[in-house]
Amino acid sequence: MLTELLNRLLDLKRPETVEIKEQTFSTNKLHLIPDSPSVDAIEIHSLTGIVDYIKSKFDSRSKLLIHIESPTQLRLIDALDNTNNRRVYLYSEAILPNIIFDRFIDREQFQIMLQANFVQTPDHLTVIDIVSHIHVENGTVELKDNGFAQSVTTKGGAATLSTTPLPPKVSLKPFRTFVEVSQPASDYILRLNDKGNVALYEADGGSWQLEAIENIAEYFKQELEDEMNLGNIHVLR
């Protein structure tokens, strides 16, 4: 008697289908059981780690997709299984320095940031030279600004002062993506205030991100050429 009652209760819980206007509905929500159980993605911080993992064939997956999500993030994913489910094997996020844009900072802090966190370029050296020679008197600097360009008094020797124009825009390469690839250049507006503090304002509309993603894709094309020619590795960007 008890067994019959239990079976009856179980039957009541089983979903049924209903046809309404040539469409099929279920009386309960159904959840598809994935063909392959999910795995915990391994977190790394380089592109080299992705290449080493693929070449090692550690998990013996024949087809893999490298999804470049941004200049600083990517995932290594396998192909869809029979239940349209994917598994993420690796997640890589670049380790980046703290670079301050769009606000004024102390000159010394600015110089350290520029020397430590930017690739050396002609404009990079020009900016460091100008900023390091700004003449500060009584906590202020002599600054001229016409709204489009600035000029500042700089010290050339023990007592030699001169007026130096600031380049309205400079092309710089901050470290903003994985270190294995070339850092894209961007235009910046260089500004000073009357206290001698310095600021860089981004002026490229974010186009550097597309270049960085292309650089990452090109890196994988070179490092995984054989695997990609066999069709085992695909890059999505």
C-alpha atoms as a PDB file:
ATOM      1  CA  MET A   1       0.000   0.000   0.000  1.00  0.00           C
ATOM      2  CA  LEU A   2       2.783   2.402   0.970  1.00  0.00           C
ATOM      3  CA  THR A   3       4.751   1.475  -2.158  1.00  0.00           C
ATOM      4  CA  GLU A   4       1.755   2.178  -4.390  1.00  0.00           C
ATOM      5  CA  LEU A   5       1.252   5.577  -2.737  1.00  0.00           C
ATOM      6  CA  LEU A   6       4.924   6.476  -3.227  1.00  0.00           C
ATOM      7  CA  ASN A   7       4.821   5.470  -6.888  1.00  0.00           C
ATOM      8  CA  ARG A   8       1.663   7.538  -7.353  1.00  0.00           C
ATOM      9  CA  LEU A   9       3.370  10.606  -5.860  1.00  0.00           C
ATOM     10  CA  LEU A  10       6.369  10.111  -8.122  1.00  0.00           C
ATOM     11  CA  ASP A  11       4.085   9.841 -11.142  1.00  0.00           C
ATOM     12  CA  LEU A  12       2.471  13.142 -10.220  1.00  0.00           C
ATOM     13  CA  LYS A  13       5.866  14.846 -10.286  1.00  0.00           C
ATOM     14  CA  ARG A  14       6.788  13.587 -13.729  1.00  0.00           C
ATOM     15  CA  PRO A  15       6.517  16.332 -16.370  1.00  0.00           C
ATOM     16  CA  GLU A  16       3.991  16.028 -19.145  1.00  0.00           C
ATOM     17  CA  THR A  17       3.793  17.695 -22.528  1.00  0.00           C
ATOM     18  CA  VAL A  18       0.848  19.696 -23.743  1.00  0.00           C
ATOM     19  CA  GLU A  19       0.068  20.688 -27.348  1.00  0.00           C
ATOM     20  CA  ILE A  20      -1.302  24.236 -27.709  1.00  0.00           C
ATOM     21  CA  LYS A  21      -1.698  25.848 -31.119  1.00  0.00           C
ATOM     22  CA  GLU A  22       0.750  23.427 -32.734  1.00  0.00           C
ATOM     23  CA  GLN A  23       3.393  24.139 -30.093  1.00  0.00           C
ATOM     24  CA  THR A  24       4.629  21.696 -27.462  1.00  0.00           C
ATOM     25  CA  PHE A  25       4.865  22.830 -23.837  1.00  0.00           C
ATOM     26  CA  SER A  26       6.098  21.044 -20.717  1.00  0.00           C
ATOM     27  CA  THR A  27       4.324  21.109 -17.361  1.00  0.00           C
ATOM     28  CA  ASN A  28       7.724  21.437 -15.628  1.00  0.00           C
ATOM     29  CA  LYS A  29      11.065  23.050 -16.366  1.00  0.00           C
ATOM     30  CA  LEU A  30      13.511  20.580 -17.863  1.00  0.00           C
ATOM     31  CA  HIS A  31      17.268  20.809 -17.458  1.00  0.00           C
ATOM     32  CA  LEU A  32      19.572  19.300 -20.035  1.00  0.00           C
ATOM     33  CA  ILE A  33      22.245  17.062 -18.542  1.00  0.00           C
ATOM     34  CA  PRO A  34      25.573  17.976 -20.211  1.00  0.00           C
ATOM     35  CA  ASP A  35      27.395  15.239 -22.062  1.00  0.00           C
ATOM     36  CA  SER A  36      30.703  16.379 -20.508  1.00  0.00           C
ATOM     37  CA  PRO A  37      30.792  17.611 -16.908  1.00  0.00           C
ATOM     38  CA  SER A  38      32.293  21.065 -16.385  1.00  0.00           C
ATOM     39  CA  VAL A  39      35.839  21.531 -15.099  1.00  0.00           C
ATOM     40  CA  ASP A  40      37.520  24.250 -13.089  1.00  0.00           C
ATOM     41  CA  ALA A  41      39.582  26.435 -15.423  1.00  0.00           C
ATOM     42  CA  ILE A  42      43.252  26.782 -14.505  1.00  0.00           C
ATOM     43  CA  GLU A  43      44.187  30.448 -14.066  1.00  0.00           C
ATOM     44  CA  ILE A  44      47.498  31.641 -15.503  1.00  0.00           C
ATOM     45  CA  HIS A  45      48.998  35.013 -16.429  1.00  0.00           C
ATOM     46  CA  SER A  46      50.797  34.575 -19.732  1.00  0.00           C
ATOM     47  CA  LEU A  47      50.474  33.585 -23.360  1.00  0.00           C
ATOM     48  CA  THR A  48      53.410  31.204 -23.022  1.00  0.00           C
ATOM     49  CA  GLY A  49      51.404  29.090 -20.589  1.00  0.00           C
ATOM     50  CA  ILE A  50      48.647  28.644 -23.194  1.00  0.00           C
ATOM     51  CA  VAL A  51      51.181  27.514 -25.801  1.00  0.00           C
ATOM     52  CA  ASP A  52      52.938  25.112 -23.407  1.00  0.00           C
ATOM     53  CA  TYR A  53      49.631  23.542 -22.351  1.00  0.00           C
ATOM     54  CA  ILE A  54      48.503  22.974 -25.930  1.00  0.00           C
ATOM     55  CA  LYS A  55      51.821  21.519 -27.072  1.00  0.00           C
ATOM     56  CA  SER A  56      52.014  19.202 -24.060  1.00  0.00           C
ATOM     57  CA  LYS A  57      48.711  17.527 -25.054  1.00  0.00           C
ATOM     58  CA  PHE A  58      48.221  17.097 -21.316  1.00  0.00           C
ATOM     59  CA  ASP A  59      44.456  16.594 -21.509  1.00  0.00           C
ATOM     60  CA  SER A  60      44.495  15.074 -25.005  1.00  0.00           C
ATOM     61  CA  ARG A  61      41.815  17.290 -26.544  1.00  0.00           C
ATOM     62  CA  SER A  62      42.009  17.219 -30.347  1.00  0.00           C
ATOM     63  CA  LYS A  63      40.307  20.564 -31.081  1.00  0.00           C
ATOM     64  CA  LEU A  64      40.635  23.713 -28.984  1.00  0.00           C
ATOM     65  CA  LEU A  65      39.566  27.328 -29.357  1.00  0.00           C
ATOM     66  CA  ILE A  66      41.577  30.290 -28.082  1.00  0.00           C
ATOM     67  CA  HIS A  67      39.073  33.062 -27.397  1.00  0.00           C
ATOM     68  CA  ILE A  68      40.815  36.445 -27.107  1.00  0.00           C
ATOM     69  CA  GLU A  69      38.272  38.408 -25.088  1.00  0.00           C
ATOM     70  CA  SER A  70      40.319  41.584 -24.653  1.00  0.00           C
ATOM     71  CA  PRO A  71      43.954  42.784 -24.655  1.00  0.00           C
ATOM     72  CA  THR A  72      44.301  41.367 -21.127  1.00  0.00           C
ATOM     73  CA  GLN A  73      42.053  38.291 -21.012  1.00  0.00           C
ATOM     74  CA  LEU A  74      41.638  35.074 -22.957  1.00  0.00           C
ATOM     75  CA  ARG A  75      40.247  31.569 -22.505  1.00  0.00           C
ATOM     76  CA  LEU A  76      41.125  28.158 -23.921  1.00  0.00           C
ATOM     77  CA  ILE A  77      37.907  26.286 -24.744  1.00  0.00           C
ATOM     78  CA  ASP A  78      37.101  22.914 -26.263  1.00  0.00           C
ATOM     79  CA  ALA A  79      34.570  22.136 -29.011  1.00  0.00           C
ATOM     80  CA  LEU A  80      30.842  21.763 -28.361  1.00  0.00           C
ATOM     81  CA  ASP A  81      29.811  18.349 -27.076  1.00  0.00           C
ATOM     82  CA  ASN A  82      26.618  16.498 -27.999  1.00  0.00           C
ATOM     83  CA  THR A  83      24.612  18.733 -25.640  1.00  0.00           C
ATOM     84  CA  ASN A  84      26.057  22.005 -27.014  1.00  0.00           C
ATOM     85  CA  ASN A  85      28.179  22.461 -23.902  1.00  0.00           C
ATOM     86  CA  ARG A  86      31.736  23.835 -23.791  1.00  0.00           C
ATOM     87  CA  ARG A  87      34.463  23.446 -21.187  1.00  0.00           C
ATOM     88  CA  VAL A  88      37.010  26.136 -20.317  1.00  0.00           C
ATOM     89  CA  TYR A  89      40.441  24.650 -19.590  1.00  0.00           C
ATOM     90  CA  LEU A  90      42.602  27.745 -19.122  1.00  0.00           C
ATOM     91  CA  TYR A  91      41.889  31.352 -18.243  1.00  0.00           C
ATOM     92  CA  SER A  92      44.763  33.796 -18.725  1.00  0.00           C
ATOM     93  CA  GLU A  93      44.829  37.387 -17.484  1.00  0.00           C
ATOM     94  CA  ALA A  94      47.788  39.697 -18.013  1.00  0.00           C
ATOM     95  CA  ILE A  95      49.522  41.168 -14.968  1.00  0.00           C
ATOM     96  CA  LEU A  96      49.721  44.896 -15.587  1.00  0.00           C
ATOM     97  CA  PRO A  97      51.345  47.803 -13.743  1.00  0.00           C
ATOM     98  CA  ASN A  98      49.292  50.614 -12.251  1.00  0.00           C
ATOM     99  CA  ILE A  99      49.353  53.438 -14.807  1.00  0.00           C
ATOM    100  CA  ILE A 100      47.496  56.661 -14.029  1.00  0.00           C
ATOM    101  CA  PHE A 101      45.736  58.442 -16.881  1.00  0.00           C
ATOM    102  CA  ASP A 102      43.322  61.364 -17.060  1.00  0.00           C
ATOM    103  CA  ARG A 103      44.352  63.111 -13.839  1.00  0.00           C
ATOM    104  CA  PHE A 104      47.271  65.207 -12.600  1.00  0.00           C
ATOM    105  CA  ILE A 105      49.953  63.578 -10.495  1.00  0.00           C
ATOM    106  CA  ASP A 106      53.180  64.702  -8.865  1.00  0.00           C
ATOM    107  CA  ARG A 107      56.109  65.232 -11.260  1.00  0.00           C
ATOM    108  CA  GLU A 108      58.377  62.720  -9.530  1.00  0.00           C
ATOM    109  CA  GLN A 109      55.640  60.092  -9.473  1.00  0.00           C
ATOM    110  CA  PHE A 110      54.963  60.803 -13.149  1.00  0.00           C
ATOM    111  CA  GLN A 111      58.618  60.377 -14.124  1.00  0.00           C
ATOM    112  CA  ILE A 112      58.921  57.090 -12.235  1.00  0.00           C
ATOM    113  CA  MET A 113      55.699  55.813 -13.819  1.00  0.00           C
ATOM    114  CA  LEU A 114      56.905  56.761 -17.297  1.00  0.00           C
ATOM    115  CA  GLN A 115      60.316  55.130 -16.894  1.00  0.00           C
ATOM    116  CA  ALA A 116      59.039  51.945 -15.227  1.00  0.00           C
ATOM    117  CA  ASN A 117      55.821  51.232 -17.110  1.00  0.00           C
ATOM    118  CA  PHE A 118      56.324  52.490 -20.683  1.00  0.00           C
ATOM    119  CA  VAL A 119      58.347  51.185 -23.616  1.00  0.00           C
ATOM    120  CA  GLN A 120      61.116  53.613 -24.569  1.00  0.00           C
ATOM    121  CA  THR A 121      60.215  55.661 -27.659  1.00  0.00           C
ATOM    122  CA  PRO A 122      61.384  59.064 -28.981  1.00  0.00           C
ATOM    123  CA  ASP A 123      58.321  60.829 -27.536  1.00  0.00           C
ATOM    124  CA  HIS A 124      58.795  58.988 -24.260  1.00  0.00           C
ATOM    125  CA  LEU A 125      62.317  60.384 -23.917  1.00  0.00           C
ATOM    126  CA  THR A 126      61.125  63.873 -24.919  1.00  0.00           C
ATOM    127  CA  VAL A 127      58.439  63.939 -22.236  1.00  0.00           C
ATOM    128  CA  ILE A 128      60.841  62.754 -19.530  1.00  0.00           C
ATOM    129  CA  ASP A 129      63.395  65.393 -20.539  1.00  0.00           C
ATOM    130  CA  ILE A 130      60.884  68.262 -20.438  1.00  0.00           C
ATOM    131  CA  VAL A 131      59.247  67.192 -17.170  1.00  0.00           C
ATOM    132  CA  SER A 132      62.581  66.682 -15.433  1.00  0.00           C
ATOM    133  CA  HIS A 133      63.705  70.236 -16.325  1.00  0.00           C
ATOM    134  CA  ILE A 134      60.578  72.172 -15.331  1.00  0.00           C
ATOM    135  CA  HIS A 135      61.505  75.216 -13.276  1.00  0.00           C
ATOM    136  CA  VAL A 136      59.476  75.410 -10.058  1.00  0.00           C
ATOM    137  CA  GLU A 137      59.664  78.550  -7.944  1.00  0.00           C
ATOM    138  CA  ASN A 138      57.745  78.967  -4.691  1.00  0.00           C
ATOM    139  CA  GLY A 139      55.676  75.909  -5.488  1.00  0.00           C
ATOM    140  CA  THR A 140      54.483  77.182  -8.880  1.00  0.00           C
ATOM    141  CA  VAL A 141      55.632  77.078 -12.482  1.00  0.00           C
ATOM    142  CA  GLU A 142      55.460  79.704 -15.198  1.00  0.00           C
ATOM    143  CA  LEU A 143      53.005  78.243 -17.649  1.00  0.00           C
ATOM    144  CA  LYS A 144      51.484  79.611 -20.838  1.00  0.00           C
ATOM    145  CA  ASP A 145      48.365  78.007 -22.284  1.00  0.00           C
ATOM    146  CA  ASN A 146      46.403  79.108 -25.361  1.00  0.00           C
ATOM    147  CA  GLY A 147      43.867  76.295 -25.082  1.00  0.00           C
ATOM    148  CA  PHE A 148      45.561  74.162 -27.721  1.00  0.00           C
ATOM    149  CA  ALA A 149      49.191  74.068 -26.617  1.00  0.00           C
ATOM    150  CA  GLN A 150      51.244  74.842 -23.554  1.00  0.00           C
ATOM    151  CA  SER A 151      54.749  76.144 -22.926  1.00  0.00           C
ATOM    152  CA  VAL A 152      56.636  76.020 -19.646  1.00  0.00           C
ATOM    153  CA  THR A 153      59.769  77.560 -18.174  1.00  0.00           C
ATOM    154  CA  THR A 154      62.541  74.984 -17.932  1.00  0.00           C
ATOM    155  CA  LYS A 155      65.982  75.056 -16.371  1.00  0.00           C
ATOM    156  CA  GLY A 156      68.870  74.281 -18.686  1.00  0.00           C
ATOM    157  CA  GLY A 157      71.776  74.800 -16.306  1.00  0.00           C
ATOM    158  CA  ALA A 158      72.706  76.364 -12.997  1.00  0.00           C
ATOM    159  CA  ALA A 159      70.924  79.629 -13.818  1.00  0.00           C
ATOM    160  CA  THR A 160      69.744  79.303 -17.415  1.00  0.00           C
ATOM    161  CA  LEU A 161      65.994  79.468 -17.940  1.00  0.00           C
ATOM    162  CA  SER A 162      64.147  79.111 -21.208  1.00  0.00           C
ATOM    163  CA  THR A 163      60.605  78.666 -22.464  1.00  0.00           C
ATOM    164  CA  THR A 164      59.960  75.187 -23.799  1.00  0.00           C
ATOM    165  CA  PRO A 165      56.824  74.302 -25.787  1.00  0.00           C
ATOM    166  CA  LEU A 166      55.060  71.098 -24.810  1.00  0.00           C
ATOM    167  CA  PRO A 167      54.093  68.805 -27.668  1.00  0.00           C
ATOM    168  CA  PRO A 168      50.273  68.879 -27.753  1.00  0.00           C
ATOM    169  CA  LYS A 169      50.191  65.146 -28.459  1.00  0.00           C
ATOM    170  CA  VAL A 170      52.728  62.413 -27.819  1.00  0.00           C
ATOM    171  CA  SER A 171      52.859  58.796 -29.016  1.00  0.00           C
ATOM    172  CA  LEU A 172      53.586  56.432 -26.124  1.00  0.00           C
ATOM    173  CA  LYS A 173      53.590  52.684 -25.475  1.00  0.00           C
ATOM    174  CA  PRO A 174      52.444  51.830 -21.961  1.00  0.00           C
ATOM    175  CA  PHE A 175      52.403  48.200 -20.838  1.00  0.00           C
ATOM    176  CA  ARG A 176      48.714  47.363 -21.357  1.00  0.00           C
ATOM    177  CA  THR A 177      48.698  43.827 -22.719  1.00  0.00           C
ATOM    178  CA  PHE A 178      50.649  40.569 -22.346  1.00  0.00           C
ATOM    179  CA  VAL A 179      54.418  41.074 -22.246  1.00  0.00           C
ATOM    180  CA  GLU A 180      55.017  38.440 -24.953  1.00  0.00           C
ATOM    181  CA  VAL A 181      53.617  40.744 -27.644  1.00  0.00           C
ATOM    182  CA  SER A 182      54.440  44.243 -28.876  1.00  0.00           C
ATOM    183  CA  GLN A 183      52.776  46.984 -26.866  1.00  0.00           C
ATOM    184  CA  PRO A 184      50.577  49.143 -29.140  1.00  0.00           C
ATOM    185  CA  ALA A 185      51.285  52.865 -29.378  1.00  0.00           C
ATOM    186  CA  SER A 186      48.627  55.447 -28.566  1.00  0.00           C
ATOM    187  CA  ASP A 187      48.338  59.206 -28.824  1.00  0.00           C
ATOM    188  CA  TYR A 188      48.127  61.125 -25.554  1.00  0.00           C
ATOM    189  CA  ILE A 189      47.506  64.751 -24.713  1.00  0.00           C
ATOM    190  CA  LEU A 190      50.215  65.980 -22.337  1.00  0.00           C
ATOM    191  CA  ARG A 191      49.141  68.647 -19.855  1.00  0.00           C
ATOM    192  CA  LEU A 192      50.691  70.559 -16.950  1.00  0.00           C
ATOM    193  CA  ASN A 193      49.062  72.636 -14.236  1.00  0.00           C
ATOM    194  CA  ASP A 194      50.472  75.703 -12.480  1.00  0.00           C
ATOM    195  CA  LYS A 195      51.928  73.555  -9.686  1.00  0.00           C
ATOM    196  CA  GLY A 196      53.992  71.502 -12.111  1.00  0.00           C
ATOM    197  CA  ASN A 197      51.834  68.403 -11.861  1.00  0.00           C
ATOM    198  CA  VAL A 198      51.540  66.351 -15.047  1.00  0.00           C
ATOM    199  CA  ALA A 199      48.738  64.401 -16.705  1.00  0.00           C
ATOM    200  CA  LEU A 200      48.290  62.188 -19.744  1.00  0.00           C
ATOM    201  CA  TYR A 201      44.904  62.010 -21.437  1.00  0.00           C
ATOM    202  CA  GLU A 202      44.164  59.170 -23.847  1.00  0.00           C
ATOM    203  CA  ALA A 203      43.403  60.458 -27.351  1.00  0.00           C
ATOM    204  CA  ASP A 204      43.103  57.436 -29.635  1.00  0.00           C
ATOM    205  CA  GLY A 205      39.495  56.408 -29.011  1.00  0.00           C
ATOM    206  CA  GLY A 206      40.557  52.986 -27.740  1.00  0.00           C
ATOM    207  CA  SER A 207      41.843  51.767 -31.111  1.00  0.00           C
ATOM    208  CA  TRP A 208      44.927  50.377 -29.361  1.00  0.00           C
ATOM    209  CA  GLN A 209      42.785  47.528 -28.029  1.00  0.00           C
ATOM    210  CA  LEU A 210      42.124  46.172 -31.526  1.00  0.00           C
ATOM    211  CA  GLU A 211      45.837  46.340 -32.325  1.00  0.00           C
ATOM    212  CA  ALA A 212      46.704  44.520 -29.097  1.00  0.00           C
ATOM    213  CA  ILE A 213      44.215  41.746 -29.860  1.00  0.00           C
ATOM    214  CA  GLU A 214      45.686  41.370 -33.352  1.00  0.00           C
ATOM    215  CA  ASN A 215      49.182  41.166 -31.846  1.00  0.00           C
ATOM    216  CA  ILE A 216      48.040  38.357 -29.550  1.00  0.00           C
ATOM    217  CA  ALA A 217      46.443  36.484 -32.443  1.00  0.00           C
ATOM    218  CA  GLU A 218      49.628  36.852 -34.486  1.00  0.00           C
ATOM    219  CA  TYR A 219      51.666  35.504 -31.565  1.00  0.00           C
ATOM    220  CA  PHE A 220      49.600  32.307 -31.514  1.00  0.00           C
ATOM    221  CA  LYS A 221      49.833  31.970 -35.298  1.00  0.00           C
ATOM    222  CA  GLN A 222      53.615  31.897 -35.005  1.00  0.00           C
ATOM    223  CA  GLU A 223      53.912  29.753 -31.873  1.00  0.00           C
ATOM    224  CA  LEU A 224      51.195  27.232 -32.827  1.00  0.00           C
ATOM    225  CA  GLU A 225      51.645  27.175 -36.592  1.00  0.00           C
ATOM    226  CA  ASP A 226      51.733  23.368 -36.913  1.00  0.00           C
ATOM    227  CA  GLU A 227      48.697  22.826 -34.699  1.00  0.00           C
ATOM    228  CA  MET A 228      46.699  25.489 -36.546  1.00  0.00           C
ATOM    229  CA  ASN A 229      47.610  24.062 -39.964  1.00  0.00           C
ATOM    230  CA  LEU A 230      46.222  20.702 -38.814  1.00  0.00           C
ATOM    231  CA  GLY A 231      42.981  22.412 -37.800  1.00  0.00           C
ATOM    232  CA  ASN A 232      43.360  21.486 -34.138  1.00  0.00           C
ATOM    233  CA  ILE A 233      43.663  25.056 -32.845  1.00  0.00           C
ATOM    234  CA  HIS A 234      41.483  28.008 -33.773  1.00  0.00           C
ATOM    235  CA  VAL A 235      41.793  31.618 -32.640  1.00  0.00           C
ATOM    236  CA  LEU A 236      38.701  33.749 -32.110  1.00  0.00           C
ATOM    237  CA  ARG A 237      39.018  37.501 -31.639  1.00  0.00           C
END
